């Protein structure tokens, strides 16, 4: 049995059972706020009765997780709730339970173990910011300084392919 796992909101909407696999299960108050449907709330309440711990990560861990999101170019797709999950896992030296590839990728850069729920594990990607017009690479920014076209996140291995995400 592993020590601890931090649950993303996805966990509360899936039929996956991790009880008995981890000594302690955690989530953040932001995740709890995202639970809007009856099924998710019911699962949350059942787990709460069985020892689920709701905990806010310390601010310094939140900042480390946010900086990792910036480094991986996931800062525009990760919500503060997502970053809180990564931060709490970092603080607790816990595993993250999520199907979100951006969370998985950011967690991996911080050496946080990831437990996918219903989907496959995210493949390792090396993201860059690249101009869709001329192909210039950037560390930050939304517009190319050379040609003025938008700058988009791109997998370094597929940089020269025409389709941008």
C-alpha atoms as a PDB file:
ATOM      1  CA  UNK A   1       0.000   0.000   0.000  1.00  0.00           C
ATOM      2  CA  UNK A   2       1.415   3.386  -1.016  1.00  0.00           C
ATOM      3  CA  UNK A   3       1.404   6.329   1.307  1.00  0.00           C
ATOM      4  CA  UNK A   4      -0.892   9.034  -0.102  1.00  0.00           C
ATOM      5  CA  UNK A   5      -2.783  10.105  -3.204  1.00  0.00           C
ATOM      6  CA  UNK A   6      -4.266  13.482  -4.158  1.00  0.00           C
ATOM      7  CA  UNK A   7      -7.514  13.282  -6.116  1.00  0.00           C
ATOM      8  CA  UNK A   8      -8.377  15.542  -9.034  1.00  0.00           C
ATOM      9  CA  UNK A   9     -12.060  16.320  -9.702  1.00  0.00           C
ATOM     10  CA  UNK A  10     -12.060  13.647 -12.434  1.00  0.00           C
ATOM     11  CA  UNK A  11     -11.807  10.959  -9.768  1.00  0.00           C
ATOM     12  CA  UNK A  12     -15.222  11.827  -8.324  1.00  0.00           C
ATOM     13  CA  UNK A  13     -16.916  11.231 -11.698  1.00  0.00           C
ATOM     14  CA  UNK A  14     -15.354   7.839 -12.444  1.00  0.00           C
ATOM     15  CA  UNK A  15     -16.121   4.363 -11.102  1.00  0.00           C
ATOM     16  CA  UNK A  16     -12.460   3.760 -10.189  1.00  0.00           C
ATOM     17  CA  UNK A  17     -11.884   2.474  -6.657  1.00  0.00           C
ATOM     18  CA  UNK A  18      -8.507   3.288  -5.118  1.00  0.00           C
ATOM     19  CA  UNK A  19      -9.494   2.531  -1.523  1.00  0.00           C
ATOM     20  CA  UNK A  20      -7.035   0.130   0.075  1.00  0.00           C
ATOM     21  CA  UNK A  21      -4.373   1.064  -2.481  1.00  0.00           C
ATOM     22  CA  UNK A  22      -3.249   4.175  -0.590  1.00  0.00           C
ATOM     23  CA  UNK A  23      -3.033   4.805   3.157  1.00  0.00           C
ATOM     24  CA  UNK A  24      -4.470   8.324   2.863  1.00  0.00           C
ATOM     25  CA  UNK A  25      -6.571  10.059   0.220  1.00  0.00           C
ATOM     26  CA  UNK A  26      -6.545  13.847  -0.158  1.00  0.00           C
ATOM     27  CA  UNK A  27      -8.161  16.505  -2.276  1.00  0.00           C
ATOM     28  CA  UNK A  28      -8.230  20.306  -2.213  1.00  0.00           C
ATOM     29  CA  UNK A  29     -11.080  22.698  -1.327  1.00  0.00           C
ATOM     30  CA  UNK A  30     -11.005  23.948  -4.942  1.00  0.00           C
ATOM     31  CA  UNK A  31     -11.733  20.420  -6.204  1.00  0.00           C
ATOM     32  CA  UNK A  32     -14.660  20.139  -3.772  1.00  0.00           C
ATOM     33  CA  UNK A  33     -16.051  23.432  -5.147  1.00  0.00           C
ATOM     34  CA  UNK A  34     -16.005  21.943  -8.671  1.00  0.00           C
ATOM     35  CA  UNK A  35     -18.265  19.042  -7.657  1.00  0.00           C
ATOM     36  CA  UNK A  36     -21.639  20.191  -8.892  1.00  0.00           C
ATOM     37  CA  UNK A  37     -23.562  17.069  -9.896  1.00  0.00           C
ATOM     38  CA  UNK A  38     -25.253  14.689  -7.475  1.00  0.00           C
ATOM     39  CA  UNK A  39     -23.057  11.688  -8.349  1.00  0.00           C
ATOM     40  CA  UNK A  40     -19.790  13.558  -7.742  1.00  0.00           C
ATOM     41  CA  UNK A  41     -21.041  15.041  -4.471  1.00  0.00           C
ATOM     42  CA  UNK A  42     -22.336  11.664  -3.292  1.00  0.00           C
ATOM     43  CA  UNK A  43     -18.990  10.011  -4.002  1.00  0.00           C
ATOM     44  CA  UNK A  44     -17.178  12.851  -2.235  1.00  0.00           C
ATOM     45  CA  UNK A  45     -19.419  12.509   0.851  1.00  0.00           C
ATOM     46  CA  UNK A  46     -18.931   8.725   0.948  1.00  0.00           C
ATOM     47  CA  UNK A  47     -15.142   9.102   0.751  1.00  0.00           C
ATOM     48  CA  UNK A  48     -15.211  11.876   3.350  1.00  0.00           C
ATOM     49  CA  UNK A  49     -16.881   9.467   5.773  1.00  0.00           C
ATOM     50  CA  UNK A  50     -14.121   6.926   5.035  1.00  0.00           C
ATOM     51  CA  UNK A  51     -11.293   9.346   5.810  1.00  0.00           C
ATOM     52  CA  UNK A  52     -10.792  11.553   2.739  1.00  0.00           C
ATOM     53  CA  UNK A  53      -8.823  14.618   3.844  1.00  0.00           C
ATOM     54  CA  UNK A  54      -9.534  18.041   2.316  1.00  0.00           C
ATOM     55  CA  UNK A  55      -6.421  20.191   2.576  1.00  0.00           C
ATOM     56  CA  UNK A  56      -5.194  23.478   1.138  1.00  0.00           C
ATOM     57  CA  UNK A  57      -1.568  23.388  -0.095  1.00  0.00           C
ATOM     58  CA  UNK A  58       0.847  25.891   1.401  1.00  0.00           C
ATOM     59  CA  UNK A  59       1.421  28.950  -0.763  1.00  0.00           C
ATOM     60  CA  UNK A  60       5.100  28.189  -1.455  1.00  0.00           C
ATOM     61  CA  UNK A  61       4.139  24.787  -2.951  1.00  0.00           C
ATOM     62  CA  UNK A  62       1.426  26.477  -5.020  1.00  0.00           C
ATOM     63  CA  UNK A  63       4.044  28.868  -6.422  1.00  0.00           C
ATOM     64  CA  UNK A  64       6.425  25.992  -7.254  1.00  0.00           C
ATOM     65  CA  UNK A  65       3.599  24.162  -9.057  1.00  0.00           C
ATOM     66  CA  UNK A  66       2.637  27.335 -10.948  1.00  0.00           C
ATOM     67  CA  UNK A  67       6.252  27.905 -12.019  1.00  0.00           C
ATOM     68  CA  UNK A  68       6.401  24.284 -13.252  1.00  0.00           C
ATOM     69  CA  UNK A  69       3.210  24.924 -15.249  1.00  0.00           C
ATOM     70  CA  UNK A  70       4.883  27.945 -16.833  1.00  0.00           C
ATOM     71  CA  UNK A  71       8.020  25.939 -17.607  1.00  0.00           C
ATOM     72  CA  UNK A  72       5.970  23.224 -19.333  1.00  0.00           C
ATOM     73  CA  UNK A  73       3.813  25.851 -21.111  1.00  0.00           C
ATOM     74  CA  UNK A  74       0.719  24.443 -19.387  1.00  0.00           C
ATOM     75  CA  UNK A  75      -0.004  27.620 -17.404  1.00  0.00           C
ATOM     76  CA  UNK A  76      -2.679  28.708 -19.893  1.00  0.00           C
ATOM     77  CA  UNK A  77      -4.577  25.391 -19.734  1.00  0.00           C
ATOM     78  CA  UNK A  78      -4.267  24.553 -16.031  1.00  0.00           C
ATOM     79  CA  UNK A  79      -6.763  26.136 -13.668  1.00  0.00           C
ATOM     80  CA  UNK A  80      -5.885  27.219 -10.138  1.00  0.00           C
ATOM     81  CA  UNK A  81      -7.732  24.067  -9.018  1.00  0.00           C
ATOM     82  CA  UNK A  82      -5.413  21.918 -11.147  1.00  0.00           C
ATOM     83  CA  UNK A  83      -2.361  23.704  -9.771  1.00  0.00           C
ATOM     84  CA  UNK A  84      -3.656  23.237  -6.205  1.00  0.00           C
ATOM     85  CA  UNK A  85      -3.811  19.460  -6.798  1.00  0.00           C
ATOM     86  CA  UNK A  86      -0.210  19.426  -8.072  1.00  0.00           C
ATOM     87  CA  UNK A  87       0.911  21.653  -5.176  1.00  0.00           C
ATOM     88  CA  UNK A  88      -0.706  19.449  -2.528  1.00  0.00           C
ATOM     89  CA  UNK A  89       0.843  16.315  -4.035  1.00  0.00           C
ATOM     90  CA  UNK A  90       4.229  18.032  -4.031  1.00  0.00           C
ATOM     91  CA  UNK A  91       3.806  19.128  -0.405  1.00  0.00           C
ATOM     92  CA  UNK A  92       2.750  15.645   0.741  1.00  0.00           C
ATOM     93  CA  UNK A  93       5.133  13.691  -1.532  1.00  0.00           C
ATOM     94  CA  UNK A  94       1.987  11.994  -2.824  1.00  0.00           C
ATOM     95  CA  UNK A  95       0.735  10.536  -6.099  1.00  0.00           C
ATOM     96  CA  UNK A  96      -1.737  12.508  -8.246  1.00  0.00           C
ATOM     97  CA  UNK A  97      -4.862  10.714  -9.534  1.00  0.00           C
ATOM     98  CA  UNK A  98      -5.946  12.357 -12.791  1.00  0.00           C
ATOM     99  CA  UNK A  99      -6.645  11.802 -16.478  1.00  0.00           C
ATOM    100  CA  UNK A 100      -5.703  15.397 -17.331  1.00  0.00           C
ATOM    101  CA  UNK A 101      -2.606  15.279 -19.542  1.00  0.00           C
ATOM    102  CA  UNK A 102      -1.525  18.837 -18.630  1.00  0.00           C
ATOM    103  CA  UNK A 103      -1.635  17.961 -14.918  1.00  0.00           C
ATOM    104  CA  UNK A 104       0.267  14.734 -15.600  1.00  0.00           C
ATOM    105  CA  UNK A 105       2.931  16.501 -17.646  1.00  0.00           C
ATOM    106  CA  UNK A 106       3.431  19.268 -15.073  1.00  0.00           C
ATOM    107  CA  UNK A 107       3.476  16.786 -12.173  1.00  0.00           C
ATOM    108  CA  UNK A 108       6.055  14.661 -13.970  1.00  0.00           C
ATOM    109  CA  UNK A 109       8.439  17.633 -14.258  1.00  0.00           C
ATOM    110  CA  UNK A 110       8.254  17.925 -10.448  1.00  0.00           C
ATOM    111  CA  UNK A 111       8.874  14.158 -10.088  1.00  0.00           C
ATOM    112  CA  UNK A 112       5.373  13.601  -8.706  1.00  0.00           C
ATOM    113  CA  UNK A 113       4.025  10.097  -9.449  1.00  0.00           C
ATOM    114  CA  UNK A 114       0.801  10.013 -11.488  1.00  0.00           C
ATOM    115  CA  UNK A 115      -2.078   7.506 -11.358  1.00  0.00           C
ATOM    116  CA  UNK A 116      -4.215   7.714 -14.530  1.00  0.00           C
ATOM    117  CA  UNK A 117      -7.865   6.831 -13.954  1.00  0.00           C
ATOM    118  CA  UNK A 118      -9.725   5.883 -17.140  1.00  0.00           C
ATOM    119  CA  UNK A 119      -7.262   6.929 -19.859  1.00  0.00           C
ATOM    120  CA  UNK A 120      -3.711   5.988 -20.736  1.00  0.00           C
ATOM    121  CA  UNK A 121      -0.798   7.731 -19.086  1.00  0.00           C
ATOM    122  CA  UNK A 122       0.250  10.924 -20.861  1.00  0.00           C
ATOM    123  CA  UNK A 123       3.242  10.535 -23.156  1.00  0.00           C
ATOM    124  CA  UNK A 124       6.297  12.598 -22.351  1.00  0.00           C
ATOM    125  CA  UNK A 125       6.285  15.775 -24.441  1.00  0.00           C
ATOM    126  CA  UNK A 126       8.790  18.561 -24.901  1.00  0.00           C
ATOM    127  CA  UNK A 127       6.627  21.636 -25.500  1.00  0.00           C
ATOM    128  CA  UNK A 128       7.845  24.832 -27.121  1.00  0.00           C
ATOM    129  CA  UNK A 129       6.127  28.052 -28.123  1.00  0.00           C
ATOM    130  CA  UNK A 130       6.339  28.448 -31.873  1.00  0.00           C
ATOM    131  CA  UNK A 131       5.081  31.064 -34.352  1.00  0.00           C
ATOM    132  CA  UNK A 132       2.484  29.576 -36.686  1.00  0.00           C
ATOM    133  CA  UNK A 133       3.638  31.925 -39.452  1.00  0.00           C
ATOM    134  CA  UNK A 134       7.427  31.814 -39.610  1.00  0.00           C
ATOM    135  CA  UNK A 135       8.262  29.070 -37.092  1.00  0.00           C
ATOM    136  CA  UNK A 136      10.298  31.241 -34.703  1.00  0.00           C
ATOM    137  CA  UNK A 137      10.574  29.763 -31.189  1.00  0.00           C
ATOM    138  CA  UNK A 138       9.794  31.707 -28.023  1.00  0.00           C
ATOM    139  CA  UNK A 139      10.018  31.159 -24.271  1.00  0.00           C
ATOM    140  CA  UNK A 140       6.960  33.353 -23.602  1.00  0.00           C
ATOM    141  CA  UNK A 141       4.533  35.495 -25.537  1.00  0.00           C
ATOM    142  CA  UNK A 142       1.421  35.289 -27.649  1.00  0.00           C
ATOM    143  CA  UNK A 143       2.494  37.137 -30.799  1.00  0.00           C
ATOM    144  CA  UNK A 144       5.557  36.676 -33.009  1.00  0.00           C
ATOM    145  CA  UNK A 145       7.980  39.582 -32.857  1.00  0.00           C
ATOM    146  CA  UNK A 146       9.139  38.810 -36.408  1.00  0.00           C
ATOM    147  CA  UNK A 147       5.938  38.420 -38.434  1.00  0.00           C
ATOM    148  CA  UNK A 148       3.119  39.232 -35.965  1.00  0.00           C
ATOM    149  CA  UNK A 149       1.390  35.828 -36.255  1.00  0.00           C
ATOM    150  CA  UNK A 150       0.095  34.025 -33.134  1.00  0.00           C
ATOM    151  CA  UNK A 151       2.503  31.931 -31.062  1.00  0.00           C
ATOM    152  CA  UNK A 152       1.150  28.478 -30.137  1.00  0.00           C
ATOM    153  CA  UNK A 153       2.282  25.613 -27.935  1.00  0.00           C
ATOM    154  CA  UNK A 154       3.814  22.865 -30.065  1.00  0.00           C
ATOM    155  CA  UNK A 155       5.433  19.502 -29.426  1.00  0.00           C
ATOM    156  CA  UNK A 156       9.125  19.996 -30.261  1.00  0.00           C
ATOM    157  CA  UNK A 157       9.209  16.661 -32.140  1.00  0.00           C
ATOM    158  CA  UNK A 158       6.364  17.785 -34.416  1.00  0.00           C
ATOM    159  CA  UNK A 159       7.376  21.445 -34.793  1.00  0.00           C
ATOM    160  CA  UNK A 160       7.663  21.332 -38.569  1.00  0.00           C
ATOM    161  CA  UNK A 161       4.213  19.807 -39.155  1.00  0.00           C
ATOM    162  CA  UNK A 162       1.647  22.276 -40.433  1.00  0.00           C
ATOM    163  CA  UNK A 163      -1.213  21.710 -37.977  1.00  0.00           C
ATOM    164  CA  UNK A 164      -0.871  23.751 -34.765  1.00  0.00           C
ATOM    165  CA  UNK A 165      -2.911  23.154 -31.598  1.00  0.00           C
END
